[in-house]
PDB file of N, CA and C in Angstrom:
ATOM      1  N   MET A   1      14.995  22.441 -15.401  1.00  0.00           N
ATOM      2  CA  MET A   1      14.491  21.122 -15.634  1.00  0.00           C
ATOM      3  C   MET A   1      15.205  20.066 -14.712  1.00  0.00           C
ATOM      4  N   THR A   2      16.486  20.300 -14.400  1.00  0.00           N
ATOM      5  CA  THR A   2      17.148  19.334 -13.568  1.00  0.00           C
ATOM      6  C   THR A   2      16.608  19.428 -12.107  1.00  0.00           C
ATOM      7  N   ARG A   3      16.236  20.587 -11.694  1.00  0.00           N
ATOM      8  CA  ARG A   3      15.657  20.763 -10.337  1.00  0.00           C
ATOM      9  C   ARG A   3      14.366  19.965 -10.260  1.00  0.00           C
ATOM     10  N   GLN A   4      13.538  20.039 -11.323  1.00  0.00           N
ATOM     11  CA  GLN A   4      12.269  19.369 -11.321  1.00  0.00           C
ATOM     12  C   GLN A   4      12.492  17.846 -11.325  1.00  0.00           C
ATOM     13  N   LEU A   5      13.406  17.444 -12.095  1.00  0.00           N
ATOM     14  CA  LEU A   5      13.726  15.988 -12.196  1.00  0.00           C
ATOM     15  C   LEU A   5      14.261  15.484 -10.822  1.00  0.00           C
ATOM     16  N   PHE A   6      15.049  16.287 -10.187  1.00  0.00           N
ATOM     17  CA  PHE A   6      15.551  15.935  -8.815  1.00  0.00           C
ATOM     18  C   PHE A   6      14.403  15.851  -7.854  1.00  0.00           C
ATOM     19  N   PHE A   7      13.508  16.822  -7.950  1.00  0.00           N
ATOM     20  CA  PHE A   7      12.342  16.811  -7.024  1.00  0.00           C
ATOM     21  C   PHE A   7      11.496  15.573  -7.254  1.00  0.00           C
ATOM     22  N   LEU A   8      11.224  15.248  -8.517  1.00  0.00           N
ATOM     23  CA  LEU A   8      10.389  14.050  -8.756  1.00  0.00           C
ATOM     24  C   LEU A   8      11.085  12.764  -8.325  1.00  0.00           C
ATOM     25  N   THR A   9      12.390  12.678  -8.532  1.00  0.00           N
ATOM     26  CA  THR A   9      13.135  11.478  -8.073  1.00  0.00           C
ATOM     27  C   THR A   9      13.112  11.425  -6.594  1.00  0.00           C
ATOM     28  N   ALA A  10      13.369  12.460  -5.885  1.00  0.00           N
ATOM     29  CA  ALA A  10      13.335  12.470  -4.421  1.00  0.00           C
ATOM     30  C   ALA A  10      11.970  12.130  -3.895  1.00  0.00           C
ATOM     31  N   ALA A  11      10.938  12.714  -4.492  1.00  0.00           N
ATOM     32  CA  ALA A  11       9.563  12.421  -4.109  1.00  0.00           C
ATOM     33  C   ALA A  11       9.203  11.026  -4.329  1.00  0.00           C
ATOM     34  N   PHE A  12       9.631  10.421  -5.444  1.00  0.00           N
ATOM     35  CA  PHE A  12       9.402   9.057  -5.713  1.00  0.00           C
ATOM     36  C   PHE A  12      10.122   8.135  -4.676  1.00  0.00           C
ATOM     37  N   ALA A  13      11.279   8.470  -4.326  1.00  0.00           N
ATOM     38  CA  ALA A  13      12.029   7.695  -3.304  1.00  0.00           C
ATOM     39  C   ALA A  13      11.336   7.728  -1.955  1.00  0.00           C
ATOM     40  N   ILE A  14      10.860   8.918  -1.562  1.00  0.00           N
ATOM     41  CA  ILE A  14      10.168   9.026  -0.289  1.00  0.00           C
ATOM     42  C   ILE A  14       8.826   8.232  -0.384  1.00  0.00           C
ATOM     43  N   LEU A  15       8.156   8.385  -1.507  1.00  0.00           N
ATOM     44  CA  LEU A  15       6.865   7.633  -1.645  1.00  0.00           C
ATOM     45  C   LEU A  15       7.101   6.147  -1.579  1.00  0.00           C
ATOM     46  N   CYS A  16       8.275   5.680  -2.099  1.00  0.00           N
ATOM     47  CA  CYS A  16       8.548   4.198  -2.074  1.00  0.00           C
ATOM     48  C   CYS A  16       8.701   3.751  -0.606  1.00  0.00           C
ATOM     49  N   VAL A  17       9.416   4.584   0.209  1.00  0.00           N
ATOM     50  CA  VAL A  17       9.602   4.218   1.563  1.00  0.00           C
ATOM     51  C   VAL A  17       8.224   4.240   2.315  1.00  0.00           C
ATOM     52  N   VAL A  18       7.364   5.215   2.016  1.00  0.00           N
ATOM     53  CA  VAL A  18       6.084   5.299   2.646  1.00  0.00           C
ATOM     54  C   VAL A  18       5.241   4.112   2.184  1.00  0.00           C
ATOM     55  N   TYR A  19       5.284   3.745   0.955  1.00  0.00           N
ATOM     56  CA  TYR A  19       4.479   2.614   0.430  1.00  0.00           C
ATOM     57  C   TYR A  19       4.904   1.348   1.145  1.00  0.00           C
ATOM     58  N   ILE A  20       6.214   1.104   1.183  1.00  0.00           N
ATOM     59  CA  ILE A  20       6.684  -0.139   1.825  1.00  0.00           C
ATOM     60  C   ILE A  20       6.321  -0.196   3.253  1.00  0.00           C
ATOM     61  N   ALA A  21       6.412   0.886   4.007  1.00  0.00           N
ATOM     62  CA  ALA A  21       6.044   0.919   5.411  1.00  0.00           C
ATOM     63  C   ALA A  21       4.557   0.679   5.602  1.00  0.00           C
ATOM     64  N   LEU A  22       3.727   1.308   4.777  1.00  0.00           N
ATOM     65  CA  LEU A  22       2.272   1.056   4.925  1.00  0.00           C
ATOM     66  C   LEU A  22       1.863  -0.288   4.448  1.00  0.00           C
ATOM     67  N   SER A  23       2.570  -0.826   3.435  1.00  0.00           N
ATOM     68  CA  SER A  23       2.253  -2.138   2.990  1.00  0.00           C
ATOM     69  C   SER A  23       2.547  -3.222   4.076  1.00  0.00           C
ATOM     70  N   VAL A  24       3.756  -3.073   4.678  1.00  0.00           N
ATOM     71  CA  VAL A  24       4.092  -3.959   5.752  1.00  0.00           C
ATOM     72  C   VAL A  24       3.150  -3.858   6.944  1.00  0.00           C
ATOM     73  N   TYR A  25       2.803  -2.642   7.316  1.00  0.00           N
ATOM     74  CA  TYR A  25       1.896  -2.407   8.421  1.00  0.00           C
ATOM     75  C   TYR A  25       0.497  -2.979   8.099  1.00  0.00           C
ATOM     76  N   SER A  26       0.036  -2.739   6.893  1.00  0.00           N
ATOM     77  CA  SER A  26      -1.306  -3.285   6.506  1.00  0.00           C
ATOM     78  C   SER A  26      -1.349  -4.779   6.470  1.00  0.00           C
ATOM     79  N   ARG A  27      -0.270  -5.461   6.027  1.00  0.00           N
ATOM     80  CA  ARG A  27      -0.208  -6.880   6.072  1.00  0.00           C
ATOM     81  C   ARG A  27      -0.203  -7.350   7.520  1.00  0.00           C
ATOM     82  N   TYR A  28       0.511  -6.691   8.431  1.00  0.00           N
ATOM     83  CA  TYR A  28       0.560  -6.976   9.833  1.00  0.00           C
ATOM     84  C   TYR A  28      -0.806  -6.934  10.462  1.00  0.00           C
ATOM     85  N   VAL A  29      -1.535  -5.857  10.172  1.00  0.00           N
ATOM     86  CA  VAL A  29      -2.857  -5.645  10.773  1.00  0.00           C
ATOM     87  C   VAL A  29      -3.834  -6.769  10.226  1.00  0.00           C
ATOM     88  N   GLU A  30      -3.773  -7.049   8.939  1.00  0.00           N
ATOM     89  CA  GLU A  30      -4.640  -8.076   8.345  1.00  0.00           C
ATOM     90  C   GLU A  30      -4.296  -9.438   8.984  1.00  0.00           C
ATOM     91  N   ARG A  31      -3.049  -9.743   9.122  1.00  0.00           N
ATOM     92  CA  ARG A  31      -2.613 -11.027   9.736  1.00  0.00           C
ATOM     93  C   ARG A  31      -3.131 -11.118  11.177  1.00  0.00           C
ATOM     94  N   LYS A  32      -3.009 -10.066  11.933  1.00  0.00           N
ATOM     95  CA  LYS A  32      -3.523 -10.067  13.335  1.00  0.00           C
ATOM     96  C   LYS A  32      -5.017 -10.260  13.330  1.00  0.00           C
ATOM     97  N   ARG A  33      -5.747  -9.609  12.425  1.00  0.00           N
ATOM     98  CA  ARG A  33      -7.192  -9.804  12.352  1.00  0.00           C
ATOM     99  C   ARG A  33      -7.518 -11.196  12.108  1.00  0.00           C
ATOM    100  N   LEU A  34      -6.814 -11.832  11.193  1.00  0.00           N
ATOM    101  CA  LEU A  34      -7.086 -13.265  10.830  1.00  0.00           C
ATOM    102  C   LEU A  34      -6.786 -14.133  12.034  1.00  0.00           C
ATOM    103  N   GLU A  35      -5.703 -13.881  12.701  1.00  0.00           N
ATOM    104  CA  GLU A  35      -5.382 -14.655  13.908  1.00  0.00           C
ATOM    105  C   GLU A  35      -6.488 -14.562  14.962  1.00  0.00           C
ATOM    106  N   GLU A  36      -6.997 -13.334  15.196  1.00  0.00           N
ATOM    107  CA  GLU A  36      -8.022 -13.158  16.142  1.00  0.00           C
ATOM    108  C   GLU A  36      -9.312 -13.802  15.748  1.00  0.00           C
ATOM    109  N   GLU A  37      -9.669 -13.791  14.457  1.00  0.00           N
ATOM    110  CA  GLU A  37     -10.819 -14.462  13.917  1.00  0.00           C
ATOM    111  C   GLU A  37     -10.722 -15.924  14.175  1.00  0.00           C
ATOM    112  N   HIS A  38      -9.619 -16.538  13.871  1.00  0.00           N
ATOM    113  CA  HIS A  38      -9.411 -17.967  14.066  1.00  0.00           C
ATOM    114  C   HIS A  38      -9.492 -18.369  15.538  1.00  0.00           C
ATOM    115  N   ALA A  39      -8.917 -17.518  16.388  1.00  0.00           N
ATOM    116  CA  ALA A  39      -8.963 -17.783  17.819  1.00  0.00           C
ATOM    117  C   ALA A  39     -10.394 -17.745  18.367  1.00  0.00           C
ATOM    118  N   ALA A  40     -11.235 -16.883  17.716  1.00  0.00           N
ATOM    119  CA  ALA A  40     -12.614 -16.779  18.135  1.00  0.00           C
ATOM    120  C   ALA A  40     -13.481 -17.929  17.594  1.00  0.00           C
ATOM    121  N   GLY A  41     -12.893 -18.758  16.807  1.00  0.00           N
ATOM    122  CA  GLY A  41     -13.636 -19.903  16.304  1.00  0.00           C
ATOM    123  C   GLY A  41     -14.102 -19.814  14.895  1.00  0.00           C
ATOM    124  N   ALA A  42     -13.660 -18.837  14.127  1.00  0.00           N
ATOM    125  CA  ALA A  42     -14.105 -18.652  12.736  1.00  0.00           C
ATOM    126  C   ALA A  42     -13.384 -19.576  11.742  1.00  0.00           C
ATOM    127  N   GLY A  43     -12.503 -20.431  12.228  1.00  0.00           N
ATOM    128  CA  GLY A  43     -11.719 -21.270  11.309  1.00  0.00           C
ATOM    129  C   GLY A  43     -12.506 -22.409  10.681  1.00  0.00           C
ATOM    130  N   GLY A  44     -13.547 -22.827  11.308  1.00  0.00           N
ATOM    131  CA  GLY A  44     -14.400 -23.874  10.749  1.00  0.00           C
ATOM    132  C   GLY A  44     -13.601 -25.229  10.652  1.00  0.00           C
ATOM    133  N   GLY A  45     -12.742 -25.520  11.646  1.00  0.00           N
ATOM    134  CA  GLY A  45     -12.036 -26.768  11.589  1.00  0.00           C
ATOM    135  C   GLY A  45     -10.721 -26.767  10.765  1.00  0.00           C
ATOM    136  N   VAL A  46     -10.444 -25.631  10.135  1.00  0.00           N
ATOM    137  CA  VAL A  46      -9.205 -25.427   9.360  1.00  0.00           C
ATOM    138  C   VAL A  46      -8.101 -25.044  10.327  1.00  0.00           C
ATOM    139  N   GLY A  47      -6.886 -25.575  10.070  1.00  0.00           N
ATOM    140  CA  GLY A  47      -5.746 -25.228  10.915  1.00  0.00           C
ATOM    141  C   GLY A  47      -5.442 -23.730  10.902  1.00  0.00           C
ATOM    142  N   ARG A  48      -4.842 -23.290  11.906  1.00  0.00           N
ATOM    143  CA  ARG A  48      -4.557 -21.858  12.084  1.00  0.00           C
ATOM    144  C   ARG A  48      -3.770 -21.260  10.941  1.00  0.00           C
ATOM    145  N   GLU A  49      -2.636 -21.895  10.615  1.00  0.00           N
ATOM    146  CA  GLU A  49      -1.776 -21.424   9.543  1.00  0.00           C
ATOM    147  C   GLU A  49      -2.458 -21.469   8.235  1.00  0.00           C
ATOM    148  N   ASP A  50      -3.204 -22.549   7.906  1.00  0.00           N
ATOM    149  CA  ASP A  50      -3.971 -22.593   6.633  1.00  0.00           C
ATOM    150  C   ASP A  50      -5.001 -21.489   6.542  1.00  0.00           C
ATOM    151  N   TYR A  51      -5.736 -21.263   7.636  1.00  0.00           N
ATOM    152  CA  TYR A  51      -6.699 -20.174   7.654  1.00  0.00           C
ATOM    153  C   TYR A  51      -6.074 -18.867   7.416  1.00  0.00           C
ATOM    154  N   ILE A  52      -4.914 -18.583   8.024  1.00  0.00           N
ATOM    155  CA  ILE A  52      -4.247 -17.280   7.848  1.00  0.00           C
ATOM    156  C   ILE A  52      -3.709 -17.235   6.437  1.00  0.00           C
ATOM    157  N   ASP A  53      -3.112 -18.288   5.941  1.00  0.00           N
ATOM    158  CA  ASP A  53      -2.575 -18.262   4.584  1.00  0.00           C
ATOM    159  C   ASP A  53      -3.649 -17.951   3.509  1.00  0.00           C
ATOM    160  N   ARG A  54      -4.796 -18.648   3.685  1.00  0.00           N
ATOM    161  CA  ARG A  54      -5.944 -18.358   2.790  1.00  0.00           C
ATOM    162  C   ARG A  54      -6.431 -16.967   2.886  1.00  0.00           C
ATOM    163  N   GLY A  55      -6.519 -16.442   4.046  1.00  0.00           N
ATOM    164  CA  GLY A  55      -6.958 -15.069   4.302  1.00  0.00           C
ATOM    165  C   GLY A  55      -5.998 -14.060   3.669  1.00  0.00           C
ATOM    166  N   MET A  56      -4.695 -14.328   3.761  1.00  0.00           N
ATOM    167  CA  MET A  56      -3.729 -13.443   3.185  1.00  0.00           C
ATOM    168  C   MET A  56      -3.749 -13.493   1.660  1.00  0.00           C
ATOM    169  N   VAL A  57      -4.069 -14.629   1.099  1.00  0.00           N
ATOM    170  CA  VAL A  57      -4.232 -14.710  -0.380  1.00  0.00           C
ATOM    171  C   VAL A  57      -5.403 -13.859  -0.824  1.00  0.00           C
ATOM    172  N   VAL A  58      -6.482 -13.921  -0.100  1.00  0.00           N
ATOM    173  CA  VAL A  58      -7.708 -13.059  -0.387  1.00  0.00           C
ATOM    174  C   VAL A  58      -7.300 -11.599  -0.192  1.00  0.00           C
ATOM    175  N   TYR A  59      -6.535 -11.277   0.831  1.00  0.00           N
ATOM    176  CA  TYR A  59      -6.085  -9.878   1.123  1.00  0.00           C
ATOM    177  C   TYR A  59      -5.246  -9.337  -0.053  1.00  0.00           C
ATOM    178  N   GLU A  60      -4.365 -10.145  -0.629  1.00  0.00           N
ATOM    179  CA  GLU A  60      -3.468  -9.742  -1.715  1.00  0.00           C
ATOM    180  C   GLU A  60      -4.254  -9.359  -2.928  1.00  0.00           C
ATOM    181  N   ARG A  61      -5.415  -9.939  -3.110  1.00  0.00           N
ATOM    182  CA  ARG A  61      -6.314  -9.659  -4.245  1.00  0.00           C
ATOM    183  C   ARG A  61      -7.317  -8.575  -3.981  1.00  0.00           C
ATOM    184  N   SER A  62      -7.333  -8.021  -2.791  1.00  0.00           N
ATOM    185  CA  SER A  62      -8.383  -7.149  -2.377  1.00  0.00           C
ATOM    186  C   SER A  62      -8.124  -5.707  -2.866  1.00  0.00           C
ATOM    187  N   TRP A  63      -9.178  -4.925  -2.868  1.00  0.00           N
ATOM    188  CA  TRP A  63      -9.111  -3.503  -3.244  1.00  0.00           C
ATOM    189  C   TRP A  63      -8.329  -2.725  -2.218  1.00  0.00           C
ATOM    190  N   ARG A  64      -8.352  -3.131  -0.953  1.00  0.00           N
ATOM    191  CA  ARG A  64      -7.596  -2.429   0.129  1.00  0.00           C
ATOM    192  C   ARG A  64      -6.141  -2.478  -0.184  1.00  0.00           C
ATOM    193  N   LYS A  65      -5.666  -3.561  -0.657  1.00  0.00           N
ATOM    194  CA  LYS A  65      -4.234  -3.687  -1.007  1.00  0.00           C
ATOM    195  C   LYS A  65      -3.891  -2.817  -2.258  1.00  0.00           C
ATOM    196  N   LYS A  66      -4.812  -2.809  -3.211  1.00  0.00           N
ATOM    197  CA  LYS A  66      -4.572  -2.075  -4.446  1.00  0.00           C
ATOM    198  C   LYS A  66      -4.663  -0.546  -4.222  1.00  0.00           C
ATOM    199  N   LEU A  67      -5.464  -0.128  -3.233  1.00  0.00           N
ATOM    200  CA  LEU A  67      -5.574   1.317  -2.922  1.00  0.00           C
ATOM    201  C   LEU A  67      -4.251   1.857  -2.443  1.00  0.00           C
ATOM    202  N   LEU A  68      -3.388   1.068  -1.953  1.00  0.00           N
ATOM    203  CA  LEU A  68      -2.077   1.562  -1.498  1.00  0.00           C
ATOM    204  C   LEU A  68      -1.288   2.117  -2.631  1.00  0.00           C
ATOM    205  N   TYR A  69      -1.526   1.730  -3.869  1.00  0.00           N
ATOM    206  CA  TYR A  69      -0.856   2.304  -5.007  1.00  0.00           C
ATOM    207  C   TYR A  69      -1.160   3.816  -5.238  1.00  0.00           C
ATOM    208  N   GLY A  70      -2.279   4.204  -4.578  1.00  0.00           N
ATOM    209  CA  GLY A  70      -2.598   5.653  -4.646  1.00  0.00           C
ATOM    210  C   GLY A  70      -1.552   6.484  -3.997  1.00  0.00           C
ATOM    211  N   ILE A  71      -0.728   5.876  -3.162  1.00  0.00           N
ATOM    212  CA  ILE A  71       0.374   6.606  -2.567  1.00  0.00           C
ATOM    213  C   ILE A  71       1.334   7.162  -3.614  1.00  0.00           C
ATOM    214  N   PHE A  72       1.430   6.407  -4.671  1.00  0.00           N
ATOM    215  CA  PHE A  72       2.316   6.860  -5.787  1.00  0.00           C
ATOM    216  C   PHE A  72       1.500   7.778  -6.764  1.00  0.00           C
ATOM    217  N   VAL A  73       0.376   7.408  -7.077  1.00  0.00           N
ATOM    218  CA  VAL A  73      -0.371   8.030  -8.155  1.00  0.00           C
ATOM    219  C   VAL A  73      -0.751   9.516  -7.843  1.00  0.00           C
ATOM    220  N   PHE A  74      -1.449   9.708  -6.707  1.00  0.00           N
ATOM    221  CA  PHE A  74      -1.984  11.022  -6.414  1.00  0.00           C
ATOM    222  C   PHE A  74      -0.913  12.079  -6.183  1.00  0.00           C
ATOM    223  N   PRO A  75       0.101  11.913  -5.289  1.00  0.00           N
ATOM    224  CA  PRO A  75       1.042  12.955  -5.137  1.00  0.00           C
ATOM    225  C   PRO A  75       1.940  13.250  -6.337  1.00  0.00           C
ATOM    226  N   LEU A  76       2.312  12.167  -7.088  1.00  0.00           N
ATOM    227  CA  LEU A  76       3.097  12.405  -8.281  1.00  0.00           C
ATOM    228  C   LEU A  76       2.346  13.107  -9.376  1.00  0.00           C
ATOM    229  N   ALA A  77       1.062  12.763  -9.532  1.00  0.00           N
ATOM    230  CA  ALA A  77       0.198  13.398 -10.464  1.00  0.00           C
ATOM    231  C   ALA A  77       0.034  14.884 -10.120  1.00  0.00           C
ATOM    232  N   ALA A  78      -0.185  15.157  -8.848  1.00  0.00           N
ATOM    233  CA  ALA A  78      -0.270  16.581  -8.426  1.00  0.00           C
ATOM    234  C   ALA A  78       1.016  17.308  -8.684  1.00  0.00           C
ATOM    235  N   ALA A  79       2.149  16.713  -8.455  1.00  0.00           N
ATOM    236  CA  ALA A  79       3.430  17.357  -8.679  1.00  0.00           C
ATOM    237  C   ALA A  79       3.669  17.630 -10.167  1.00  0.00           C
ATOM    238  N   VAL A  80       3.309  16.651 -10.995  1.00  0.00           N
ATOM    239  CA  VAL A  80       3.502  16.851 -12.426  1.00  0.00           C
ATOM    240  C   VAL A  80       2.551  17.948 -12.911  1.00  0.00           C
ATOM    241  N   ILE A  81       1.288  17.998 -12.471  1.00  0.00           N
ATOM    242  CA  ILE A  81       0.387  19.047 -12.879  1.00  0.00           C
ATOM    243  C   ILE A  81       0.885  20.424 -12.410  1.00  0.00           C
ATOM    244  N   LEU A  82       1.416  20.511 -11.188  1.00  0.00           N
ATOM    245  CA  LEU A  82       1.944  21.778 -10.721  1.00  0.00           C
ATOM    246  C   LEU A  82       3.170  22.214 -11.568  1.00  0.00           C
ATOM    247  N   ILE A  83       3.996  21.303 -11.898  1.00  0.00           N
ATOM    248  CA  ILE A  83       5.148  21.649 -12.714  1.00  0.00           C
ATOM    249  C   ILE A  83       4.764  22.116 -14.074  1.00  0.00           C
ATOM    250  N   ILE A  84       3.777  21.447 -14.721  1.00  0.00           N
ATOM    251  CA  ILE A  84       3.278  21.884 -15.996  1.00  0.00           C
ATOM    252  C   ILE A  84       2.681  23.278 -15.912  1.00  0.00           C
ATOM    253  N   ILE A  85       1.912  23.562 -14.920  1.00  0.00           N
ATOM    254  CA  ILE A  85       1.290  24.812 -14.733  1.00  0.00           C
ATOM    255  C   ILE A  85       2.330  25.863 -14.538  1.00  0.00           C
ATOM    256  N   ALA A  86       3.301  25.543 -13.719  1.00  0.00           N
ATOM    257  CA  ALA A  86       4.428  26.569 -13.494  1.00  0.00           C
ATOM    258  C   ALA A  86       5.226  26.886 -14.726  1.00  0.00           C
ATOM    259  N   ASN A  87       5.479  25.869 -15.556  1.00  0.00           N
ATOM    260  CA  ASN A  87       6.254  26.065 -16.779  1.00  0.00           C
ATOM    261  C   ASN A  87       5.474  26.837 -17.844  1.00  0.00           C
ATOM    262  N   HIS A  88       4.184  26.706 -17.904  1.00  0.00           N
ATOM    263  CA  HIS A  88       3.444  27.351 -18.922  1.00  0.00           C
ATOM    264  C   HIS A  88       2.846  28.722 -18.496  1.00  0.00           C
ATOM    265  N   SER A  89       3.193  29.118 -17.289  1.00  0.00           N
ATOM    266  CA  SER A  89       2.654  30.434 -16.840  1.00  0.00           C
ATOM    267  C   SER A  89       3.672  31.551 -17.193  1.00  0.00           C
TER     268      SER A  89
END
């Protein structure tokens, strides 16, 4: 049982690092996209920073942002299922 707990803890720590890295990268890509949109004239008279800030607020509520939580859910669920199957066999 301690081995399994160690495995789950280590996996969770690794997944945290992956989540943080992908989250930062995703925010960077979204911000770049908003900057390019504003430079192309999509701002509609709104200042650059205001346009980007509003776009980032929309991004924070988007499904794309929420899908990053799958980084935790799917691998840990698979690991738990495999541990349960191994223990009951």
